[in-house]
Amino acid sequence: MNMKKTPFTGFHTGLGARMQPFAGYNMPVEYSGINDEHRTVREKAGLFDVSHMGEFLLSGPKAAGFIQYLTSNDVNRLSDGMVQYTCLLNGKGGIVDDMLVYRFDSESFMLVVNAANIEKDWKWLEYHARQEGLEAGKDIYDASDETALLAVQGPCAMKILEKLTDEPVNEMEFYTFRKINIAGIRDAVFSVTGYTGSGGCEIYVSNNDGPALWNAVLDAGKEFGIKPAGLGARDTLRLEMGFCLYGNDIDETTSPIEAGLGWITRFAEGNEFIGRDLLLRQKTEGVKRKLVAFVLKEKGIPRKDYEITDSGGNVIGKVTSGTMSPMLGKGIGMGYVGKEFAKAGTSLNILIRNRPVAAEIVRPPIYREGQ
C-alpha cells in the first residue's frame, strides 16, 4: 500500500525523523526524542505537521441545520469567527468522531475531523446529505487532500507568529479564528485551539503554500527555541491534559456522556440532534461506566487494554490510553470504570504484566503547570 505524503514529508525525512504509517500517511513520530519534544512544547514551542487531518467545507442555507442535526453541541451558539468542539453522532448513543466546527458565516462552515476517520466521516455525512437534498462536491466538499495544516504549540507560539503577520494574533480569544496574511501567504485560516494544553495556534493553507510557511515559522522561532515535534509528543501532551483520542478513549461504542463530554452535548430547546432521546436519558438517569484519568503511585507504565481492578482484585474496567508522563515522571492514563469507582481520589490498581500497580483517579488535567 502506498503511503500518502504531506507537503512537509521531505522536511521530516531531511531532519532524520522516525517515520511511521498513520491513517494512510507516512508521518513523523519523533525527531529529537518524544520527551525532548514534549518538554520543548511545554516550555517553549513545537511545530507539528497535522496535514493528515480532514477538512470538510459546508455551504448554503441548509448547512447550519445539517451540522446541528448530526452533532452533539449547539451550532447556534456560534457567531462568525468562532470554533466549536463537538461530536459527530451515530444516532445509537455512540460517537462517529470528535471534531471542530468553524463558522465563517451563517451559510459557510468547515469541519475538521480526525485523520483515521476521514473516509468514514465523509460517507456518514454524504449519506445524510442526500436525505437533506445537499449535493456532495458542492454543498458539502472534501478539501482534505488540498489543505496543509501546521500547529504551533507552546507558551512562545504566538510570539513567534506575531513576527510573521501584521494581525494582532496574540489578542485572539481561545476557540476563535480569522483569515489573515502570514509569511507572505494570503488568506490563511489562523485558529487558536490546540491539543496540547500549552497554548498556540493552527494555520490552514494550500498545499503549495505549505513549505514556505514551514520554513518561515522555524526561522521566526529560532530565538525562542522552537523544534519540530512528532505524533509521539502530540500523544503524550494530550494525555497529560486528559484529552480524548478517538479510537482509544472514544469510539462508536462510547457515548459523550460516558466519556465526560456532557459539556459538548447540548439539550437546548429545538436542538433535535440525532439520538437525542437516548443521550438525554443517559444524562438524567446516569450511566454504568465513566471515563476517568489516573496517576500511578508506583513505578510502571499503563498501556491500552490493561485491566483495572479494585482493592479486592475484581476487574472494574480497562485502560484506554496510557504513557509515562514526561513532566511528572509517573505513569498516567485514562480508562473506563464502573460509575461507583469514578470519583477523584479513588484508589485502584492497574494490572501490568499480571502485577497490580497502585493508582489514584484524578480530575483532569493530569498535569498542571507548576507541578
Protein backbone atom coordinates (compact mmCIF):
# COMPACT_ATOMS: atom_id res chain seq x y z
CA MET A 1 0.00 0.00 0.00
CA ASN A 2 1.36 3.39 -0.99
CA MET A 3 1.51 5.84 1.89
CA LYS A 4 0.23 9.36 1.33
CA LYS A 5 2.63 12.23 1.87
CA THR A 6 2.01 15.65 3.34
CA PRO A 7 3.64 18.77 1.82
CA PHE A 8 6.20 18.54 4.65
CA THR A 9 7.35 14.93 4.25
CA GLY A 10 10.65 16.00 2.67
CA PHE A 11 11.39 18.22 5.68
CA HIS A 12 10.68 15.36 8.09
CA THR A 13 12.98 12.87 6.36
CA GLY A 14 15.64 15.54 5.87
CA LEU A 15 15.63 16.17 9.61
CA GLY A 16 16.04 12.47 10.31
CA ALA A 17 12.59 11.99 11.84
CA ARG A 18 11.47 8.48 12.67
CA MET A 19 8.61 7.95 10.24
CA GLN A 20 5.67 5.61 10.69
CA PRO A 21 2.42 4.86 8.83
CA PHE A 22 -0.58 6.59 10.40
CA ALA A 23 -4.07 6.87 8.89
CA GLY A 24 -2.67 6.14 5.44
CA TYR A 25 0.05 8.79 5.73
CA ASN A 26 3.78 8.50 6.30
CA MET A 27 4.07 10.64 9.42
CA PRO A 28 6.89 11.70 11.78
CA VAL A 29 6.71 10.07 15.23
CA GLU A 30 9.75 11.84 16.68
CA TYR A 31 12.83 13.88 15.74
CA SER A 32 15.00 14.59 18.80
CA GLY A 33 13.02 12.23 21.05
CA ILE A 34 9.48 12.25 22.44
CA ASN A 35 10.46 13.52 25.90
CA ASP A 36 12.62 16.32 24.49
CA GLU A 37 9.92 17.43 22.06
CA HIS A 38 7.27 17.21 24.78
CA ARG A 39 9.25 19.44 27.17
CA THR A 40 10.04 21.87 24.37
CA VAL A 41 6.31 22.34 23.73
CA ARG A 42 5.55 22.79 27.44
CA GLU A 43 8.38 25.30 27.95
CA LYS A 44 8.97 26.93 24.53
CA ALA A 45 7.29 25.97 21.24
CA GLY A 46 6.86 23.00 18.96
CA LEU A 47 5.90 22.77 15.29
CA PHE A 48 3.56 19.92 14.32
CA ASP A 49 2.63 18.76 10.83
CA VAL A 50 -1.03 17.79 11.17
CA SER A 51 -1.87 17.91 7.46
CA HIS A 52 -3.26 14.38 7.72
CA MET A 53 -6.35 15.80 9.43
CA GLY A 54 -9.51 16.13 7.33
CA GLU A 55 -11.28 19.32 6.31
CA PHE A 56 -14.87 19.34 5.02
CA LEU A 57 -16.46 22.56 3.74
CA LEU A 58 -20.23 23.01 4.08
CA SER A 59 -22.15 25.85 2.50
CA GLY A 60 -25.66 27.03 1.73
CA PRO A 61 -28.85 27.79 3.68
CA LYS A 62 -29.13 24.19 4.96
CA ALA A 63 -25.55 23.89 6.22
CA ALA A 64 -26.11 25.01 9.82
CA GLY A 65 -29.18 22.85 10.31
CA PHE A 66 -27.39 19.87 8.81
CA ILE A 67 -24.49 20.20 11.26
CA GLN A 68 -26.89 20.81 14.14
CA TYR A 69 -28.73 17.55 13.45
CA LEU A 70 -25.62 15.35 13.26
CA THR A 71 -23.55 16.81 16.11
CA SER A 72 -23.90 16.94 19.88
CA ASN A 73 -23.10 20.61 20.51
CA ASP A 74 -25.24 23.63 19.65
CA VAL A 75 -24.09 25.25 16.40
CA ASN A 76 -26.48 28.13 17.03
CA ARG A 77 -24.15 29.32 19.80
CA LEU A 78 -21.51 30.15 17.18
CA SER A 79 -21.01 33.54 15.60
CA ASP A 80 -18.67 34.32 12.71
CA GLY A 81 -15.04 33.54 13.51
CA MET A 82 -15.81 31.08 16.31
CA VAL A 83 -14.75 27.43 16.64
CA GLN A 84 -16.67 24.71 18.47
CA TYR A 85 -15.60 21.30 19.76
CA THR A 86 -18.27 18.68 19.17
CA CYS A 87 -19.05 15.04 18.48
CA LEU A 88 -20.39 13.60 15.23
CA LEU A 89 -23.07 11.18 16.47
CA ASN A 90 -24.14 7.79 15.12
CA GLY A 91 -27.71 8.00 16.46
CA LYS A 92 -27.22 4.92 18.65
CA GLY A 93 -25.51 6.68 21.55
CA GLY A 94 -22.02 6.31 20.08
CA ILE A 95 -19.51 8.70 18.53
CA VAL A 96 -18.61 8.61 14.83
CA ASP A 97 -15.83 11.13 15.50
CA ASP A 98 -14.93 14.14 17.61
CA MET A 99 -14.20 17.26 15.60
CA LEU A 100 -14.07 21.03 15.35
CA VAL A 101 -16.67 23.24 13.63
CA TYR A 102 -15.50 26.58 12.18
CA ARG A 103 -18.16 29.15 11.30
CA PHE A 104 -17.15 31.57 8.53
CA ASP A 105 -20.69 32.97 8.24
CA SER A 106 -24.26 31.77 8.66
CA GLU A 107 -24.05 29.67 5.48
CA SER A 108 -20.38 28.67 5.46
CA PHE A 109 -18.65 26.19 7.79
CA MET A 110 -15.58 23.97 7.99
CA LEU A 111 -15.45 20.66 9.85
CA VAL A 112 -12.00 19.44 10.94
CA VAL A 113 -12.04 15.68 11.53
CA ASN A 114 -9.58 13.02 12.65
CA ALA A 115 -7.24 11.61 10.02
CA ALA A 116 -8.18 7.98 10.60
CA ASN A 117 -11.89 8.80 10.19
CA ILE A 118 -11.90 10.93 7.04
CA GLU A 119 -13.41 8.27 4.79
CA LYS A 120 -15.89 7.03 7.41
CA ASP A 121 -16.98 10.56 8.36
CA TRP A 122 -17.39 11.58 4.73
CA LYS A 123 -19.61 8.58 3.97
CA TRP A 124 -21.75 9.32 7.03
CA LEU A 125 -22.13 12.97 6.09
CA GLU A 126 -22.68 12.15 2.43
CA TYR A 127 -25.46 9.68 3.30
CA HIS A 128 -27.31 12.26 5.38
CA ALA A 129 -26.62 14.99 2.83
CA ARG A 130 -28.57 13.01 0.24
CA GLN A 131 -31.52 12.77 2.64
CA GLU A 132 -31.44 16.56 3.08
CA GLY A 133 -31.04 17.38 -0.60
CA LEU A 134 -27.44 18.59 -0.25
CA GLU A 135 -25.08 17.93 -3.15
CA ALA A 136 -21.76 16.26 -2.35
CA GLY A 137 -18.90 18.08 -4.04
CA LYS A 138 -20.85 21.34 -3.97
CA ASP A 139 -22.83 21.97 -0.76
CA ILE A 140 -20.51 19.61 1.11
CA TYR A 141 -16.95 19.38 -0.12
CA ASP A 142 -13.92 17.33 0.98
CA ALA A 143 -10.90 19.67 0.94
CA SER A 144 -8.64 17.34 2.94
CA ASP A 145 -6.20 16.49 0.16
CA GLU A 146 -5.83 20.16 -0.81
CA THR A 147 -5.08 21.50 2.65
CA ALA A 148 -1.79 21.81 4.54
CA LEU A 149 -2.09 22.26 8.29
CA LEU A 150 0.57 23.24 10.81
CA ALA A 151 0.06 23.51 14.57
CA VAL A 152 2.42 25.75 16.54
CA GLN A 153 2.06 24.90 20.21
CA GLY A 154 3.66 26.18 23.41
CA PRO A 155 3.94 29.35 25.52
CA CYS A 156 6.11 31.08 22.90
CA ALA A 157 3.95 30.11 19.91
CA MET A 158 2.03 33.36 19.49
CA LYS A 159 5.17 35.48 19.93
CA ILE A 160 6.68 33.58 17.02
CA LEU A 161 3.64 34.01 14.80
CA GLU A 162 3.37 37.73 15.58
CA LYS A 163 6.67 38.15 13.74
CA LEU A 164 5.07 36.80 10.54
CA THR A 165 1.88 38.86 10.34
CA ASP A 166 0.56 42.36 10.93
CA GLU A 167 -2.55 40.97 12.60
CA PRO A 168 -2.74 41.12 16.44
CA VAL A 169 -2.95 37.32 16.73
CA ASN A 170 -1.75 37.37 20.33
CA GLU A 171 -5.02 39.10 21.27
CA MET A 172 -7.26 36.41 19.78
CA GLU A 173 -9.55 34.60 22.18
CA PHE A 174 -9.44 30.84 22.69
CA TYR A 175 -11.50 28.92 20.12
CA THR A 176 -11.68 31.72 17.59
CA PHE A 177 -10.18 32.08 14.11
CA ARG A 178 -9.72 34.59 11.33
CA LYS A 179 -8.37 34.76 7.80
CA ILE A 180 -5.03 36.56 7.74
CA ASN A 181 -1.99 37.20 5.60
CA ILE A 182 1.01 35.44 7.15
CA ALA A 183 4.57 34.86 5.94
CA GLY A 184 3.57 36.34 2.59
CA ILE A 185 0.66 33.89 2.23
CA ARG A 186 -2.76 35.42 1.66
CA ASP A 187 -5.99 34.32 3.34
CA ALA A 188 -4.58 31.65 5.62
CA VAL A 189 -7.07 30.38 8.20
CA PHE A 190 -5.49 31.07 11.59
CA SER A 191 -7.17 29.50 14.63
CA VAL A 192 -6.48 29.40 18.35
CA THR A 193 -7.47 25.97 19.67
CA GLY A 194 -4.87 23.29 20.38
CA TYR A 195 -4.45 19.70 21.54
CA THR A 196 -1.55 20.10 23.94
CA GLY A 197 -2.79 22.31 26.77
CA SER A 198 0.15 24.69 26.32
CA GLY A 199 -1.47 27.30 24.09
CA GLY A 200 -0.76 28.04 20.46
CA CYS A 201 -2.46 28.02 17.11
CA GLU A 202 -3.20 26.19 13.86
CA ILE A 203 -2.63 27.54 10.35
CA TYR A 204 -4.50 26.19 7.31
CA VAL A 205 -3.03 26.96 3.89
CA SER A 206 -2.96 25.37 0.44
CA ASN A 207 -0.51 22.55 -0.17
CA ASN A 208 1.55 24.81 -2.42
CA ASP A 209 1.99 27.37 0.35
CA GLY A 210 2.86 24.79 3.00
CA PRO A 211 6.66 24.58 2.57
CA ALA A 212 7.10 28.37 2.68
CA LEU A 213 5.07 28.51 5.89
CA TRP A 214 7.11 25.70 7.50
CA ASN A 215 10.39 27.48 6.78
CA ALA A 216 9.06 30.87 7.93
CA VAL A 217 7.79 29.51 11.26
CA LEU A 218 11.02 27.66 12.05
CA ASP A 219 13.12 30.68 11.11
CA ALA A 220 10.99 33.08 13.19
CA GLY A 221 11.05 30.65 16.09
CA LYS A 222 14.83 30.16 16.33
CA GLU A 223 15.26 32.79 19.03
CA PHE A 224 12.53 31.07 21.08
CA GLY A 225 13.98 27.57 20.76
CA ILE A 226 11.24 26.11 18.56
CA LYS A 227 11.61 22.49 17.44
CA PRO A 228 9.64 20.24 15.10
CA ALA A 229 7.59 17.75 17.11
CA GLY A 230 6.08 14.44 16.06
CA LEU A 231 2.97 12.42 16.76
CA GLY A 232 4.62 10.76 19.77
CA ALA A 233 4.86 14.02 21.71
CA ARG A 234 1.43 15.06 20.48
CA ASP A 235 0.00 11.97 22.15
CA THR A 236 1.85 12.37 25.48
CA LEU A 237 0.93 16.06 25.61
CA ARG A 238 -2.78 15.45 25.06
CA LEU A 239 -2.81 12.61 27.58
CA GLU A 240 -1.30 14.83 30.31
CA MET A 241 -4.30 17.10 29.72
CA GLY A 242 -6.83 14.26 29.77
CA PHE A 243 -7.94 14.98 26.19
CA CYS A 244 -9.70 12.11 24.42
CA LEU A 245 -8.14 10.30 21.47
CA TYR A 246 -10.58 8.80 19.02
CA GLY A 247 -10.11 5.06 18.65
CA ASN A 248 -8.77 4.80 22.20
CA ASP A 249 -10.89 6.77 24.66
CA ILE A 250 -13.95 7.32 22.47
CA ASP A 251 -15.46 5.41 19.54
CA GLU A 252 -18.74 4.13 18.10
CA THR A 253 -19.44 2.17 21.31
CA THR A 254 -18.87 5.02 23.80
CA SER A 255 -21.28 7.87 24.42
CA PRO A 256 -20.35 11.51 25.05
CA ILE A 257 -21.96 11.21 28.49
CA GLU A 258 -19.80 8.22 29.46
CA ALA A 259 -16.71 9.98 28.11
CA GLY A 260 -17.20 13.11 30.21
CA LEU A 261 -18.25 15.10 27.16
CA GLY A 262 -21.62 16.11 28.51
CA TRP A 263 -20.42 19.71 28.31
CA ILE A 264 -20.49 19.48 24.49
CA THR A 265 -23.82 17.62 24.44
CA ARG A 266 -26.35 20.43 24.42
CA PHE A 267 -30.00 19.62 25.07
CA ALA A 268 -31.13 23.13 24.18
CA GLU A 269 -34.77 23.59 23.19
CA GLY A 270 -35.11 22.92 19.49
CA ASN A 271 -31.72 21.19 19.20
CA GLU A 272 -33.15 17.89 17.96
CA PHE A 273 -29.88 16.15 17.12
CA ILE A 274 -29.73 12.51 16.08
CA GLY A 275 -30.11 10.10 19.01
CA ARG A 276 -31.02 12.93 21.39
CA ASP A 277 -33.55 10.92 23.43
CA LEU A 278 -31.07 8.16 24.22
CA LEU A 279 -28.36 10.59 25.34
CA LEU A 280 -30.83 12.66 27.35
CA ARG A 281 -31.87 9.50 29.17
CA GLN A 282 -28.22 8.78 29.96
CA LYS A 283 -27.77 12.30 31.26
CA THR A 284 -30.84 12.19 33.51
CA GLU A 285 -30.66 8.56 34.67
CA GLY A 286 -26.88 8.22 34.73
CA VAL A 287 -24.52 5.75 33.03
CA LYS A 288 -22.98 2.49 34.26
CA ARG A 289 -19.40 3.44 33.40
CA LYS A 290 -17.35 6.60 33.13
CA LEU A 291 -14.06 7.63 31.58
CA VAL A 292 -11.54 8.59 34.26
CA ALA A 293 -7.93 9.80 34.41
CA PHE A 294 -5.43 8.26 36.79
CA VAL A 295 -1.84 8.52 38.03
CA LEU A 296 0.25 5.54 39.15
CA LYS A 297 1.56 5.62 42.72
CA GLU A 298 4.28 3.07 41.92
CA LYS A 299 6.70 2.54 39.04
CA GLY A 300 5.12 1.28 35.86
CA ILE A 301 3.67 2.33 32.52
CA PRO A 302 -0.02 1.66 31.88
CA ARG A 303 -0.92 0.62 28.33
CA LYS A 304 -4.11 0.38 26.31
CA ASP A 305 -6.29 -2.63 27.23
CA TYR A 306 -4.59 -3.29 30.59
CA GLU A 307 -7.22 -4.31 33.14
CA ILE A 308 -8.20 -2.03 36.03
CA THR A 309 -9.08 -3.69 39.35
CA ASP A 310 -10.39 -2.61 42.74
CA SER A 311 -8.60 -3.26 46.04
CA GLY A 312 -10.09 -6.75 46.15
CA GLY A 313 -8.70 -7.72 42.77
CA ASN A 314 -12.03 -7.50 40.95
CA VAL A 315 -11.84 -6.23 37.37
CA ILE A 316 -13.71 -2.92 37.20
CA GLY A 317 -12.55 -1.55 33.87
CA LYS A 318 -9.90 -1.26 31.22
CA VAL A 319 -7.19 1.26 30.28
CA THR A 320 -7.88 3.14 27.02
CA SER A 321 -4.73 5.32 26.92
CA GLY A 322 -1.53 5.25 28.96
CA THR A 323 2.04 6.53 28.97
CA MET A 324 4.88 7.78 31.14
CA SER A 325 4.30 11.48 31.75
CA PRO A 326 7.44 13.40 30.70
CA MET A 327 6.56 16.24 33.08
CA LEU A 328 5.51 14.22 36.13
CA GLY A 329 7.87 11.28 35.70
CA LYS A 330 4.95 8.98 36.58
CA GLY A 331 2.75 6.56 34.71
CA ILE A 332 -0.56 8.17 33.73
CA GLY A 333 -3.59 7.06 31.80
CA MET A 334 -7.30 7.05 31.11
CA GLY A 335 -9.86 4.29 31.14
CA TYR A 336 -13.47 3.33 31.74
CA VAL A 337 -14.56 2.08 35.17
CA GLY A 338 -17.89 1.43 36.84
CA LYS A 339 -19.52 4.68 37.92
CA GLU A 340 -19.16 3.74 41.60
CA PHE A 341 -15.36 3.85 41.20
CA ALA A 342 -15.20 7.06 39.14
CA LYS A 343 -14.77 9.67 41.88
CA ALA A 344 -11.49 11.62 42.05
CA GLY A 345 -9.30 10.31 44.87
CA THR A 346 -10.46 6.71 44.47
CA SER A 347 -7.67 4.14 44.77
CA LEU A 348 -7.46 1.32 42.24
CA ASN A 349 -4.91 -0.95 40.57
CA ILE A 350 -3.65 -1.33 37.02
CA LEU A 351 -2.63 -4.86 36.10
CA ILE A 352 0.79 -4.51 34.46
CA ARG A 353 2.09 -7.93 33.38
CA ASN A 354 -0.34 -9.50 35.84
CA ARG A 355 1.03 -7.43 38.73
CA PRO A 356 -1.34 -4.96 40.43
CA VAL A 357 0.19 -1.47 40.44
CA ALA A 358 -1.45 1.12 42.69
CA ALA A 359 -3.06 4.14 41.07
CA GLU A 360 -5.37 7.00 42.01
CA ILE A 361 -8.12 8.66 40.00
CA VAL A 362 -7.51 12.36 39.41
CA ARG A 363 -9.53 15.15 37.89
CA PRO A 364 -8.10 16.29 34.51
CA PRO A 365 -5.83 17.87 33.57
CA ILE A 366 -3.47 15.20 34.91
CA TYR A 367 -0.54 17.62 34.64
CA ARG A 368 -0.87 21.22 35.76
CA GLU A 369 1.78 23.84 35.16
CA GLY A 370 3.96 24.25 38.23
CA GLN A 371 3.52 20.67 39.47
